[in-house]
């Protein structure tokens, strides 16, 4: 089953939903706030995408983390932090036909299209 992970009210998520619907791609939506997130899920995202494509460093939640905490974060600490702060996860994260992707820029849309719209 295709799954899109994120937060429902996010504008990027809304664009992703619209794109998936317009392209006839069926999916299940996993809302971090309603359905939850845990360390196992975050670990899976990082294993597939890498920390840089999972951790949203542009958001206000990340910017509020004190610099001394950021400086000490290892992968385990980052996973714990992300599992407790869903807003720090980039959105959306896709799991489509076993293919993982994060973000939804024009380039992301083209890559998804190439993978899914054969």
PDB file of N, CA and C in Angstrom:
ATOM      1  N   UNK A   1       0.844  -1.195   0.000  1.00  0.00           N
ATOM      2  CA  UNK A   1       0.000   0.000   0.000  1.00  0.00           C
ATOM      3  C   UNK A   1       0.877   1.241   0.000  1.00  0.00           C
ATOM      4  N   UNK A   2       0.537   2.175  -0.845  1.00  0.00           N
ATOM      5  CA  UNK A   2       1.219   3.464  -0.879  1.00  0.00           C
ATOM      6  C   UNK A   2       0.817   4.274   0.347  1.00  0.00           C
ATOM      7  N   UNK A   3       1.795   4.920   0.953  1.00  0.00           N
ATOM      8  CA  UNK A   3       1.526   5.721   2.148  1.00  0.00           C
ATOM      9  C   UNK A   3       2.225   7.058   2.025  1.00  0.00           C
ATOM     10  N   UNK A   4       1.534   8.100   2.454  1.00  0.00           N
ATOM     11  CA  UNK A   4       2.126   9.431   2.549  1.00  0.00           C
ATOM     12  C   UNK A   4       2.053   9.834   4.013  1.00  0.00           C
ATOM     13  N   UNK A   5       3.183  10.259   4.554  1.00  0.00           N
ATOM     14  CA  UNK A   5       3.302  10.608   5.967  1.00  0.00           C
ATOM     15  C   UNK A   5       3.454  12.114   6.098  1.00  0.00           C
ATOM     16  N   UNK A   6       2.772  12.691   7.084  1.00  0.00           N
ATOM     17  CA  UNK A   6       2.921  14.116   7.314  1.00  0.00           C
ATOM     18  C   UNK A   6       1.875  14.652   8.262  1.00  0.00           C
ATOM     19  N   UNK A   7       1.640  15.946   8.127  1.00  0.00           N
ATOM     20  CA  UNK A   7       0.673  16.674   8.949  1.00  0.00           C
ATOM     21  C   UNK A   7      -0.365  17.264   7.999  1.00  0.00           C
ATOM     22  N   UNK A   8      -1.614  16.993   8.254  1.00  0.00           N
ATOM     23  CA  UNK A   8      -2.705  17.311   7.326  1.00  0.00           C
ATOM     24  C   UNK A   8      -2.761  18.778   6.898  1.00  0.00           C
ATOM     25  N   UNK A   9      -2.541  19.706   7.802  1.00  0.00           N
ATOM     26  CA  UNK A   9      -2.741  21.119   7.497  1.00  0.00           C
ATOM     27  C   UNK A   9      -1.571  21.782   6.781  1.00  0.00           C
ATOM     28  N   UNK A  10      -0.521  21.055   6.529  1.00  0.00           N
ATOM     29  CA  UNK A  10       0.665  21.583   5.860  1.00  0.00           C
ATOM     30  C   UNK A  10       0.359  21.856   4.384  1.00  0.00           C
ATOM     31  N   UNK A  11       0.735  23.038   3.879  1.00  0.00           N
ATOM     32  CA  UNK A  11       0.467  23.392   2.481  1.00  0.00           C
ATOM     33  C   UNK A  11       1.165  22.451   1.507  1.00  0.00           C
ATOM     34  N   UNK A  12       2.375  22.030   1.834  1.00  0.00           N
ATOM     35  CA  UNK A  12       3.086  21.095   0.965  1.00  0.00           C
ATOM     36  C   UNK A  12       2.346  19.766   0.898  1.00  0.00           C
ATOM     37  N   UNK A  13       1.808  19.348   2.024  1.00  0.00           N
ATOM     38  CA  UNK A  13       1.023  18.108   2.046  1.00  0.00           C
ATOM     39  C   UNK A  13      -0.202  18.245   1.144  1.00  0.00           C
ATOM     40  N   UNK A  14      -0.864  19.378   1.204  1.00  0.00           N
ATOM     41  CA  UNK A  14      -2.052  19.595   0.382  1.00  0.00           C
ATOM     42  C   UNK A  14      -1.712  19.502  -1.106  1.00  0.00           C
ATOM     43  N   UNK A  15      -0.559  20.070  -1.501  1.00  0.00           N
ATOM     44  CA  UNK A  15      -0.129  19.966  -2.900  1.00  0.00           C
ATOM     45  C   UNK A  15       0.161  18.515  -3.272  1.00  0.00           C
ATOM     46  N   UNK A  16       0.762  17.775  -2.342  1.00  0.00           N
ATOM     47  CA  UNK A  16       1.075  16.366  -2.605  1.00  0.00           C
ATOM     48  C   UNK A  16      -0.206  15.548  -2.753  1.00  0.00           C
ATOM     49  N   UNK A  17      -1.183  15.770  -1.867  1.00  0.00           N
ATOM     50  CA  UNK A  17      -2.460  15.057  -1.974  1.00  0.00           C
ATOM     51  C   UNK A  17      -3.088  15.325  -3.345  1.00  0.00           C
ATOM     52  N   UNK A  18      -3.095  16.590  -3.746  1.00  0.00           N
ATOM     53  CA  UNK A  18      -3.703  16.976  -5.019  1.00  0.00           C
ATOM     54  C   UNK A  18      -2.983  16.275  -6.175  1.00  0.00           C
ATOM     55  N   UNK A  19      -1.658  16.278  -6.154  1.00  0.00           N
ATOM     56  CA  UNK A  19      -0.877  15.641  -7.218  1.00  0.00           C
ATOM     57  C   UNK A  19      -1.162  14.145  -7.291  1.00  0.00           C
ATOM     58  N   UNK A  20      -1.169  13.479  -6.140  1.00  0.00           N
ATOM     59  CA  UNK A  20      -1.461  12.046  -6.118  1.00  0.00           C
ATOM     60  C   UNK A  20      -2.852  11.761  -6.672  1.00  0.00           C
ATOM     61  N   UNK A  21      -3.829  12.545  -6.238  1.00  0.00           N
ATOM     62  CA  UNK A  21      -5.202  12.362  -6.711  1.00  0.00           C
ATOM     63  C   UNK A  21      -5.312  12.609  -8.216  1.00  0.00           C
ATOM     64  N   UNK A  22      -4.689  13.685  -8.696  1.00  0.00           N
ATOM     65  CA  UNK A  22      -4.753  14.007 -10.125  1.00  0.00           C
ATOM     66  C   UNK A  22      -4.095  12.938 -10.985  1.00  0.00           C
ATOM     67  N   UNK A  23      -3.130  12.237 -10.422  1.00  0.00           N
ATOM     68  CA  UNK A  23      -2.420  11.213 -11.176  1.00  0.00           C
ATOM     69  C   UNK A  23      -2.960   9.810 -10.913  1.00  0.00           C
ATOM     70  N   UNK A  24      -4.074   9.729 -10.199  1.00  0.00           N
ATOM     71  CA  UNK A  24      -4.736   8.449  -9.983  1.00  0.00           C
ATOM     72  C   UNK A  24      -3.945   7.472  -9.121  1.00  0.00           C
ATOM     73  N   UNK A  25      -3.118   7.998  -8.234  1.00  0.00           N
ATOM     74  CA  UNK A  25      -2.310   7.150  -7.355  1.00  0.00           C
ATOM     75  C   UNK A  25      -3.055   6.981  -6.032  1.00  0.00           C
ATOM     76  N   UNK A  26      -3.412   5.753  -5.710  1.00  0.00           N
ATOM     77  CA  UNK A  26      -4.106   5.498  -4.454  1.00  0.00           C
ATOM     78  C   UNK A  26      -3.073   5.465  -3.322  1.00  0.00           C
ATOM     79  N   UNK A  27      -3.496   5.931  -2.168  1.00  0.00           N
ATOM     80  CA  UNK A  27      -2.577   6.020  -1.034  1.00  0.00           C
ATOM     81  C   UNK A  27      -3.357   6.055   0.276  1.00  0.00           C
ATOM     82  N   UNK A  28      -2.650   5.753   1.321  1.00  0.00           N
ATOM     83  CA  UNK A  28      -3.148   5.903   2.688  1.00  0.00           C
ATOM     84  C   UNK A  28      -2.378   7.072   3.288  1.00  0.00           C
ATOM     85  N   UNK A  29      -3.064   7.922   4.026  1.00  0.00           N
ATOM     86  CA  UNK A  29      -2.417   9.052   4.684  1.00  0.00           C
ATOM     87  C   UNK A  29      -2.169   8.712   6.146  1.00  0.00           C
ATOM     88  N   UNK A  30      -0.925   8.863   6.570  1.00  0.00           N
ATOM     89  CA  UNK A  30      -0.562   8.666   7.979  1.00  0.00           C
ATOM     90  C   UNK A  30      -0.259  10.042   8.555  1.00  0.00           C
ATOM     91  N   UNK A  31      -1.195  10.551   9.355  1.00  0.00           N
ATOM     92  CA  UNK A  31      -1.057  11.859   9.988  1.00  0.00           C
ATOM     93  C   UNK A  31      -0.287  11.683  11.296  1.00  0.00           C
ATOM     94  N   UNK A  32       0.898  12.287  11.357  1.00  0.00           N
ATOM     95  CA  UNK A  32       1.725  12.147  12.553  1.00  0.00           C
ATOM     96  C   UNK A  32       0.975  12.555  13.818  1.00  0.00           C
ATOM     97  N   UNK A  33       0.165  13.576  13.714  1.00  0.00           N
ATOM     98  CA  UNK A  33      -0.525  14.088  14.910  1.00  0.00           C
ATOM     99  C   UNK A  33      -1.680  13.203  15.335  1.00  0.00           C
ATOM    100  N   UNK A  34      -2.369  12.593  14.389  1.00  0.00           N
ATOM    101  CA  UNK A  34      -3.491  11.715  14.731  1.00  0.00           C
ATOM    102  C   UNK A  34      -3.059  10.272  14.927  1.00  0.00           C
ATOM    103  N   UNK A  35      -2.199   9.795  14.024  1.00  0.00           N
ATOM    104  CA  UNK A  35      -1.829   8.384  14.013  1.00  0.00           C
ATOM    105  C   UNK A  35      -0.539   8.096  14.770  1.00  0.00           C
ATOM    106  N   UNK A  36       0.208   9.151  15.093  1.00  0.00           N
ATOM    107  CA  UNK A  36       1.427   8.993  15.872  1.00  0.00           C
ATOM    108  C   UNK A  36       2.670   8.725  15.030  1.00  0.00           C
ATOM    109  N   UNK A  37       3.786   8.804  15.704  1.00  0.00           N
ATOM    110  CA  UNK A  37       5.098   8.510  15.123  1.00  0.00           C
ATOM    111  C   UNK A  37       5.920   7.885  16.233  1.00  0.00           C
ATOM    112  N   UNK A  38       6.799   6.966  15.879  1.00  0.00           N
ATOM    113  CA  UNK A  38       7.639   6.357  16.901  1.00  0.00           C
ATOM    114  C   UNK A  38       9.059   6.204  16.364  1.00  0.00           C
ATOM    115  N   UNK A  39       9.955   5.783  17.238  1.00  0.00           N
ATOM    116  CA  UNK A  39      11.359   5.680  16.866  1.00  0.00           C
ATOM    117  C   UNK A  39      11.586   4.671  15.747  1.00  0.00           C
ATOM    118  N   UNK A  40      10.809   3.606  15.725  1.00  0.00           N
ATOM    119  CA  UNK A  40      10.961   2.598  14.673  1.00  0.00           C
ATOM    120  C   UNK A  40      10.645   3.204  13.299  1.00  0.00           C
ATOM    121  N   UNK A  41       9.588   4.005  13.211  1.00  0.00           N
ATOM    122  CA  UNK A  41       9.238   4.656  11.952  1.00  0.00           C
ATOM    123  C   UNK A  41      10.323   5.637  11.533  1.00  0.00           C
ATOM    124  N   UNK A  42      10.790   6.453  12.478  1.00  0.00           N
ATOM    125  CA  UNK A  42      11.827   7.429  12.172  1.00  0.00           C
ATOM    126  C   UNK A  42      13.092   6.714  11.696  1.00  0.00           C
ATOM    127  N   UNK A  43      13.445   5.620  12.363  1.00  0.00           N
ATOM    128  CA  UNK A  43      14.619   4.848  11.961  1.00  0.00           C
ATOM    129  C   UNK A  43      14.461   4.329  10.540  1.00  0.00           C
ATOM    130  N   UNK A  44      13.276   3.847  10.201  1.00  0.00           N
ATOM    131  CA  UNK A  44      13.032   3.363   8.843  1.00  0.00           C
ATOM    132  C   UNK A  44      13.206   4.492   7.828  1.00  0.00           C
ATOM    133  N   UNK A  45      12.671   5.667   8.134  1.00  0.00           N
ATOM    134  CA  UNK A  45      12.824   6.806   7.232  1.00  0.00           C
ATOM    135  C   UNK A  45      14.308   7.146   7.033  1.00  0.00           C
ATOM    136  N   UNK A  46      15.057   7.182   8.133  1.00  0.00           N
ATOM    137  CA  UNK A  46      16.477   7.525   8.061  1.00  0.00           C
ATOM    138  C   UNK A  46      17.252   6.446   7.321  1.00  0.00           C
ATOM    139  N   UNK A  47      16.921   5.185   7.559  1.00  0.00           N
ATOM    140  CA  UNK A  47      17.593   4.088   6.841  1.00  0.00           C
ATOM    141  C   UNK A  47      17.391   4.212   5.339  1.00  0.00           C
ATOM    142  N   UNK A  48      16.211   4.629   4.926  1.00  0.00           N
ATOM    143  CA  UNK A  48      15.886   4.726   3.506  1.00  0.00           C
ATOM    144  C   UNK A  48      16.359   6.033   2.859  1.00  0.00           C
ATOM    145  N   UNK A  49      16.323   7.120   3.625  1.00  0.00           N
ATOM    146  CA  UNK A  49      16.553   8.446   3.047  1.00  0.00           C
ATOM    147  C   UNK A  49      17.795   9.167   3.562  1.00  0.00           C
ATOM    148  N   UNK A  50      18.243   8.823   4.771  1.00  0.00           N
ATOM    149  CA  UNK A  50      19.323   9.559   5.415  1.00  0.00           C
ATOM    150  C   UNK A  50      18.764  10.689   6.267  1.00  0.00           C
ATOM    151  N   UNK A  51      19.511  11.059   7.277  1.00  0.00           N
ATOM    152  CA  UNK A  51      19.037  12.090   8.221  1.00  0.00           C
ATOM    153  C   UNK A  51      18.747  13.411   7.511  1.00  0.00           C
ATOM    154  N   UNK A  52      19.601  13.799   6.556  1.00  0.00           N
ATOM    155  CA  UNK A  52      19.425  15.095   5.900  1.00  0.00           C
ATOM    156  C   UNK A  52      18.110  15.221   5.146  1.00  0.00           C
ATOM    157  N   UNK A  53      17.549  14.098   4.690  1.00  0.00           N
ATOM    158  CA  UNK A  53      16.273  14.146   3.972  1.00  0.00           C
ATOM    159  C   UNK A  53      15.077  13.866   4.883  1.00  0.00           C
ATOM    160  N   UNK A  54      15.342  13.659   6.166  1.00  0.00           N
ATOM    161  CA  UNK A  54      14.257  13.398   7.118  1.00  0.00           C
ATOM    162  C   UNK A  54      14.099  14.566   8.093  1.00  0.00           C
ATOM    163  N   UNK A  55      15.200  15.114   8.565  1.00  0.00           N
ATOM    164  CA  UNK A  55      15.178  16.203   9.547  1.00  0.00           C
ATOM    165  C   UNK A  55      14.947  17.538   8.850  1.00  0.00           C
ATOM    166  N   UNK A  56      13.893  18.235   9.251  1.00  0.00           N
ATOM    167  CA  UNK A  56      13.553  19.539   8.694  1.00  0.00           C
ATOM    168  C   UNK A  56      14.242  20.625   9.519  1.00  0.00           C
ATOM    169  N   UNK A  57      15.377  21.079   9.036  1.00  0.00           N
ATOM    170  CA  UNK A  57      16.140  22.108   9.752  1.00  0.00           C
ATOM    171  C   UNK A  57      15.663  23.514   9.431  1.00  0.00           C
ATOM    172  N   UNK A  58      14.713  23.639   8.515  1.00  0.00           N
ATOM    173  CA  UNK A  58      14.207  24.964   8.147  1.00  0.00           C
ATOM    174  C   UNK A  58      13.026  25.395   9.013  1.00  0.00           C
ATOM    175  N   UNK A  59      12.433  24.474   9.738  1.00  0.00           N
ATOM    176  CA  UNK A  59      11.236  24.785  10.514  1.00  0.00           C
ATOM    177  C   UNK A  59      11.527  25.457  11.842  1.00  0.00           C
ATOM    178  N   UNK A  60      10.503  26.091  12.383  1.00  0.00           N
ATOM    179  CA  UNK A  60      10.660  26.809  13.650  1.00  0.00           C
ATOM    180  C   UNK A  60      10.911  25.866  14.828  1.00  0.00           C
ATOM    181  N   UNK A  61      10.373  24.661  14.769  1.00  0.00           N
ATOM    182  CA  UNK A  61      10.566  23.725  15.879  1.00  0.00           C
ATOM    183  C   UNK A  61      12.043  23.389  16.022  1.00  0.00           C
ATOM    184  N   UNK A  62      12.727  23.129  14.914  1.00  0.00           N
ATOM    185  CA  UNK A  62      14.168  22.839  14.957  1.00  0.00           C
ATOM    186  C   UNK A  62      14.949  24.072  15.426  1.00  0.00           C
ATOM    187  N   UNK A  63      14.577  25.239  14.930  1.00  0.00           N
ATOM    188  CA  UNK A  63      15.311  26.459  15.307  1.00  0.00           C
ATOM    189  C   UNK A  63      15.178  26.775  16.785  1.00  0.00           C
ATOM    190  N   UNK A  64      14.133  26.278  17.437  1.00  0.00           N
ATOM    191  CA  UNK A  64      13.950  26.521  18.870  1.00  0.00           C
ATOM    192  C   UNK A  64      14.796  25.590  19.746  1.00  0.00           C
ATOM    193  N   UNK A  65      15.362  24.539  19.155  1.00  0.00           N
ATOM    194  CA  UNK A  65      16.204  23.618  19.923  1.00  0.00           C
ATOM    195  C   UNK A  65      17.512  24.344  20.247  1.00  0.00           C
ATOM    196  N   UNK A  66      17.896  24.375  21.520  1.00  0.00           N
ATOM    197  CA  UNK A  66      19.135  25.063  21.900  1.00  0.00           C
ATOM    198  C   UNK A  66      20.354  24.500  21.161  1.00  0.00           C
ATOM    199  N   UNK A  67      21.271  25.396  20.806  1.00  0.00           N
ATOM    200  CA  UNK A  67      22.462  25.016  20.050  1.00  0.00           C
ATOM    201  C   UNK A  67      23.293  23.950  20.764  1.00  0.00           C
ATOM    202  N   UNK A  68      23.363  24.010  22.091  1.00  0.00           N
ATOM    203  CA  UNK A  68      24.157  23.013  22.819  1.00  0.00           C
ATOM    204  C   UNK A  68      23.565  21.607  22.688  1.00  0.00           C
ATOM    205  N   UNK A  69      22.252  21.513  22.535  1.00  0.00           N
ATOM    206  CA  UNK A  69      21.614  20.208  22.320  1.00  0.00           C
ATOM    207  C   UNK A  69      21.870  19.755  20.888  1.00  0.00           C
ATOM    208  N   UNK A  70      21.714  20.657  19.920  1.00  0.00           N
ATOM    209  CA  UNK A  70      21.968  20.310  18.519  1.00  0.00           C
ATOM    210  C   UNK A  70      23.391  19.792  18.333  1.00  0.00           C
ATOM    211  N   UNK A  71      24.349  20.449  18.975  1.00  0.00           N
ATOM    212  CA  UNK A  71      25.758  20.094  18.813  1.00  0.00           C
ATOM    213  C   UNK A  71      26.065  18.690  19.332  1.00  0.00           C
ATOM    214  N   UNK A  72      25.299  18.213  20.291  1.00  0.00           N
ATOM    215  CA  UNK A  72      25.557  16.902  20.899  1.00  0.00           C
ATOM    216  C   UNK A  72      24.756  15.765  20.279  1.00  0.00           C
ATOM    217  N   UNK A  73      23.876  16.079  19.339  1.00  0.00           N
ATOM    218  CA  UNK A  73      22.993  15.049  18.783  1.00  0.00           C
ATOM    219  C   UNK A  73      23.763  14.049  17.919  1.00  0.00           C
ATOM    220  N   UNK A  74      23.589  12.779  18.242  1.00  0.00           N
ATOM    221  CA  UNK A  74      24.054  11.712  17.367  1.00  0.00           C
ATOM    222  C   UNK A  74      22.805  11.137  16.689  1.00  0.00           C
ATOM    223  N   UNK A  75      22.960  10.067  15.920  1.00  0.00           N
ATOM    224  CA  UNK A  75      21.804   9.519  15.208  1.00  0.00           C
ATOM    225  C   UNK A  75      20.725   9.057  16.182  1.00  0.00           C
ATOM    226  N   UNK A  76      21.121   8.385  17.247  1.00  0.00           N
ATOM    227  CA  UNK A  76      20.140   7.890  18.228  1.00  0.00           C
ATOM    228  C   UNK A  76      19.374   9.044  18.865  1.00  0.00           C
ATOM    229  N   UNK A  77      20.082  10.105  19.233  1.00  0.00           N
ATOM    230  CA  UNK A  77      19.434  11.271  19.828  1.00  0.00           C
ATOM    231  C   UNK A  77      18.519  11.978  18.848  1.00  0.00           C
ATOM    232  N   UNK A  78      18.930  12.021  17.590  1.00  0.00           N
ATOM    233  CA  UNK A  78      18.105  12.652  16.564  1.00  0.00           C
ATOM    234  C   UNK A  78      16.818  11.863  16.358  1.00  0.00           C
ATOM    235  N   UNK A  79      16.933  10.546  16.338  1.00  0.00           N
ATOM    236  CA  UNK A  79      15.745   9.698  16.176  1.00  0.00           C
ATOM    237  C   UNK A  79      14.780   9.924  17.331  1.00  0.00           C
ATOM    238  N   UNK A  80      15.295   9.981  18.541  1.00  0.00           N
ATOM    239  CA  UNK A  80      14.441  10.220  19.714  1.00  0.00           C
ATOM    240  C   UNK A  80      13.772  11.587  19.615  1.00  0.00           C
ATOM    241  N   UNK A  81      14.540  12.609  19.246  1.00  0.00           N
ATOM    242  CA  UNK A  81      14.002  13.962  19.122  1.00  0.00           C
ATOM    243  C   UNK A  81      12.899  14.024  18.059  1.00  0.00           C
ATOM    244  N   UNK A  82      13.134  13.402  16.911  1.00  0.00           N
ATOM    245  CA  UNK A  82      12.139  13.411  15.833  1.00  0.00           C
ATOM    246  C   UNK A  82      10.872  12.651  16.224  1.00  0.00           C
ATOM    247  N   UNK A  83      11.034  11.570  16.953  1.00  0.00           N
ATOM    248  CA  UNK A  83       9.851  10.785  17.334  1.00  0.00           C
ATOM    249  C   UNK A  83       8.980  11.529  18.344  1.00  0.00           C
ATOM    250  N   UNK A  84       9.541  12.523  19.003  1.00  0.00           N
ATOM    251  CA  UNK A  84       8.777  13.316  19.979  1.00  0.00           C
ATOM    252  C   UNK A  84       8.326  14.667  19.422  1.00  0.00           C
ATOM    253  N   UNK A  85       8.835  15.022  18.242  1.00  0.00           N
ATOM    254  CA  UNK A  85       8.535  16.328  17.641  1.00  0.00           C
ATOM    255  C   UNK A  85       8.252  16.153  16.157  1.00  0.00           C
ATOM    256  N   UNK A  86       7.048  15.728  15.840  1.00  0.00           N
ATOM    257  CA  UNK A  86       6.715  15.406  14.454  1.00  0.00           C
ATOM    258  C   UNK A  86       6.890  16.576  13.496  1.00  0.00           C
ATOM    259  N   UNK A  87       6.822  17.797  14.003  1.00  0.00           N
ATOM    260  CA  UNK A  87       6.989  18.960  13.131  1.00  0.00           C
ATOM    261  C   UNK A  87       8.430  19.079  12.617  1.00  0.00           C
ATOM    262  N   UNK A  88       9.360  18.352  13.210  1.00  0.00           N
ATOM    263  CA  UNK A  88      10.752  18.381  12.753  1.00  0.00           C
ATOM    264  C   UNK A  88      11.011  17.432  11.591  1.00  0.00           C
ATOM    265  N   UNK A  89      10.022  16.626  11.243  1.00  0.00           N
ATOM    266  CA  UNK A  89      10.168  15.723  10.102  1.00  0.00           C
ATOM    267  C   UNK A  89       9.808  16.470   8.822  1.00  0.00           C
ATOM    268  N   UNK A  90      10.634  16.310   7.783  1.00  0.00           N
ATOM    269  CA  UNK A  90      10.293  16.918   6.502  1.00  0.00           C
ATOM    270  C   UNK A  90       8.974  16.336   6.031  1.00  0.00           C
ATOM    271  N   UNK A  91       8.249  17.165   5.276  1.00  0.00           N
ATOM    272  CA  UNK A  91       6.950  16.726   4.780  1.00  0.00           C
ATOM    273  C   UNK A  91       6.850  17.031   3.298  1.00  0.00           C
ATOM    274  N   UNK A  92       6.193  16.135   2.639  1.00  0.00           N
ATOM    275  CA  UNK A  92       5.757  14.804   3.051  1.00  0.00           C
ATOM    276  C   UNK A  92       6.896  13.797   2.931  1.00  0.00           C
ATOM    277  N   UNK A  93       6.695  12.666   3.565  1.00  0.00           N
ATOM    278  CA  UNK A  93       7.526  11.499   3.300  1.00  0.00           C
ATOM    279  C   UNK A  93       6.610  10.498   2.615  1.00  0.00           C
ATOM    280  N   UNK A  94       7.078   9.983   1.486  1.00  0.00           N
ATOM    281  CA  UNK A  94       6.313   9.026   0.701  1.00  0.00           C
ATOM    282  C   UNK A  94       6.899   7.634   0.835  1.00  0.00           C
ATOM    283  N   UNK A  95       6.031   6.672   0.901  1.00  0.00           N
ATOM    284  CA  UNK A  95       6.409   5.273   0.707  1.00  0.00           C
ATOM    285  C   UNK A  95       5.454   4.771  -0.367  1.00  0.00           C
ATOM    286  N   UNK A  96       5.934   4.790  -1.606  1.00  0.00           N
ATOM    287  CA  UNK A  96       5.108   4.461  -2.755  1.00  0.00           C
ATOM    288  C   UNK A  96       5.744   3.319  -3.524  1.00  0.00           C
ATOM    289  N   UNK A  97       5.044   2.217  -3.598  1.00  0.00           N
ATOM    290  CA  UNK A  97       5.567   1.028  -4.282  1.00  0.00           C
ATOM    291  C   UNK A  97       6.961   0.661  -3.794  1.00  0.00           C
ATOM    292  N   UNK A  98       7.192   0.809  -2.480  1.00  0.00           N
ATOM    293  CA  UNK A  98       8.480   0.456  -1.897  1.00  0.00           C
ATOM    294  C   UNK A  98       9.545   1.526  -2.074  1.00  0.00           C
ATOM    295  N   UNK A  99       9.214   2.606  -2.747  1.00  0.00           N
ATOM    296  CA  UNK A  99      10.141   3.711  -2.995  1.00  0.00           C
ATOM    297  C   UNK A  99       9.896   4.800  -1.959  1.00  0.00           C
ATOM    298  N   UNK A 100      10.945   5.222  -1.252  1.00  0.00           N
ATOM    299  CA  UNK A 100      10.829   6.283  -0.259  1.00  0.00           C
ATOM    300  C   UNK A 100      11.321   7.591  -0.850  1.00  0.00           C
ATOM    301  N   UNK A 101      10.648   8.671  -0.477  1.00  0.00           N
ATOM    302  CA  UNK A 101      11.028  10.004  -0.928  1.00  0.00           C
ATOM    303  C   UNK A 101      10.562  11.002   0.121  1.00  0.00           C
ATOM    304  N   UNK A 102      11.234  12.142   0.196  1.00  0.00           N
ATOM    305  CA  UNK A 102      10.766  13.195   1.107  1.00  0.00           C
ATOM    306  C   UNK A 102      10.774  14.521   0.370  1.00  0.00           C
ATOM    307  N   UNK A 103       9.861  15.390   0.770  1.00  0.00           N
ATOM    308  CA  UNK A 103       9.736  16.695   0.147  1.00  0.00           C
ATOM    309  C   UNK A 103       8.843  16.630  -1.079  1.00  0.00           C
ATOM    310  N   UNK A 104       8.499  17.807  -1.599  1.00  0.00           N
ATOM    311  CA  UNK A 104       7.613  17.836  -2.759  1.00  0.00           C
ATOM    312  C   UNK A 104       7.889  19.045  -3.639  1.00  0.00           C
ATOM    313  N   UNK A 105       9.147  19.246  -3.989  1.00  0.00           N
ATOM    314  CA  UNK A 105       9.520  20.302  -4.925  1.00  0.00           C
ATOM    315  C   UNK A 105       9.157  19.850  -6.338  1.00  0.00           C
ATOM    316  N   UNK A 106       9.354  20.705  -7.309  1.00  0.00           N
ATOM    317  CA  UNK A 106       9.104  20.330  -8.713  1.00  0.00           C
ATOM    318  C   UNK A 106       9.962  19.120  -9.080  1.00  0.00           C
ATOM    319  N   UNK A 107      11.220  19.127  -8.654  1.00  0.00           N
ATOM    320  CA  UNK A 107      12.118  18.005  -8.946  1.00  0.00           C
ATOM    321  C   UNK A 107      11.594  16.726  -8.303  1.00  0.00           C
ATOM    322  N   UNK A 108      11.108  16.826  -7.058  1.00  0.00           N
ATOM    323  CA  UNK A 108      10.546  15.660  -6.371  1.00  0.00           C
ATOM    324  C   UNK A 108       9.352  15.109  -7.154  1.00  0.00           C
ATOM    325  N   UNK A 109       8.502  16.002  -7.651  1.00  0.00           N
ATOM    326  CA  UNK A 109       7.334  15.583  -8.420  1.00  0.00           C
ATOM    327  C   UNK A 109       7.753  14.846  -9.690  1.00  0.00           C
ATOM    328  N   UNK A 110       8.778  15.370 -10.366  1.00  0.00           N
ATOM    329  CA  UNK A 110       9.263  14.715 -11.585  1.00  0.00           C
ATOM    330  C   UNK A 110       9.801  13.327 -11.273  1.00  0.00           C
ATOM    331  N   UNK A 111      10.581  13.210 -10.193  1.00  0.00           N
ATOM    332  CA  UNK A 111      11.146  11.910  -9.817  1.00  0.00           C
ATOM    333  C   UNK A 111      10.041  10.922  -9.458  1.00  0.00           C
ATOM    334  N   UNK A 112       9.045  11.392  -8.693  1.00  0.00           N
ATOM    335  CA  UNK A 112       7.921  10.519  -8.343  1.00  0.00           C
ATOM    336  C   UNK A 112       7.172  10.091  -9.596  1.00  0.00           C
ATOM    337  N   UNK A 113       6.970  11.045 -10.493  1.00  0.00           N
ATOM    338  CA  UNK A 113       6.282  10.735 -11.739  1.00  0.00           C
ATOM    339  C   UNK A 113       7.013   9.668 -12.543  1.00  0.00           C
ATOM    340  N   UNK A 114       8.338   9.789 -12.609  1.00  0.00           N
ATOM    341  CA  UNK A 114       9.130   8.797 -13.349  1.00  0.00           C
ATOM    342  C   UNK A 114       9.025   7.418 -12.711  1.00  0.00           C
ATOM    343  N   UNK A 115       8.995   7.367 -11.387  1.00  0.00           N
ATOM    344  CA  UNK A 115       8.928   6.086 -10.685  1.00  0.00           C
ATOM    345  C   UNK A 115       7.536   5.457 -10.731  1.00  0.00           C
ATOM    346  N   UNK A 116       6.513   6.303 -10.649  1.00  0.00           N
ATOM    347  CA  UNK A 116       5.160   5.787 -10.448  1.00  0.00           C
ATOM    348  C   UNK A 116       4.258   5.824 -11.676  1.00  0.00           C
ATOM    349  N   UNK A 117       4.544   6.700 -12.597  1.00  0.00           N
ATOM    350  CA  UNK A 117       3.642   6.899 -13.735  1.00  0.00           C
ATOM    351  C   UNK A 117       4.266   6.327 -15.005  1.00  0.00           C
ATOM    352  N   UNK A 118       4.616   5.082 -14.967  1.00  0.00           N
ATOM    353  CA  UNK A 118       5.284   4.426 -16.093  1.00  0.00           C
ATOM    354  C   UNK A 118       4.293   4.062 -17.163  1.00  0.00           C
TER     355      UNK A 118
END
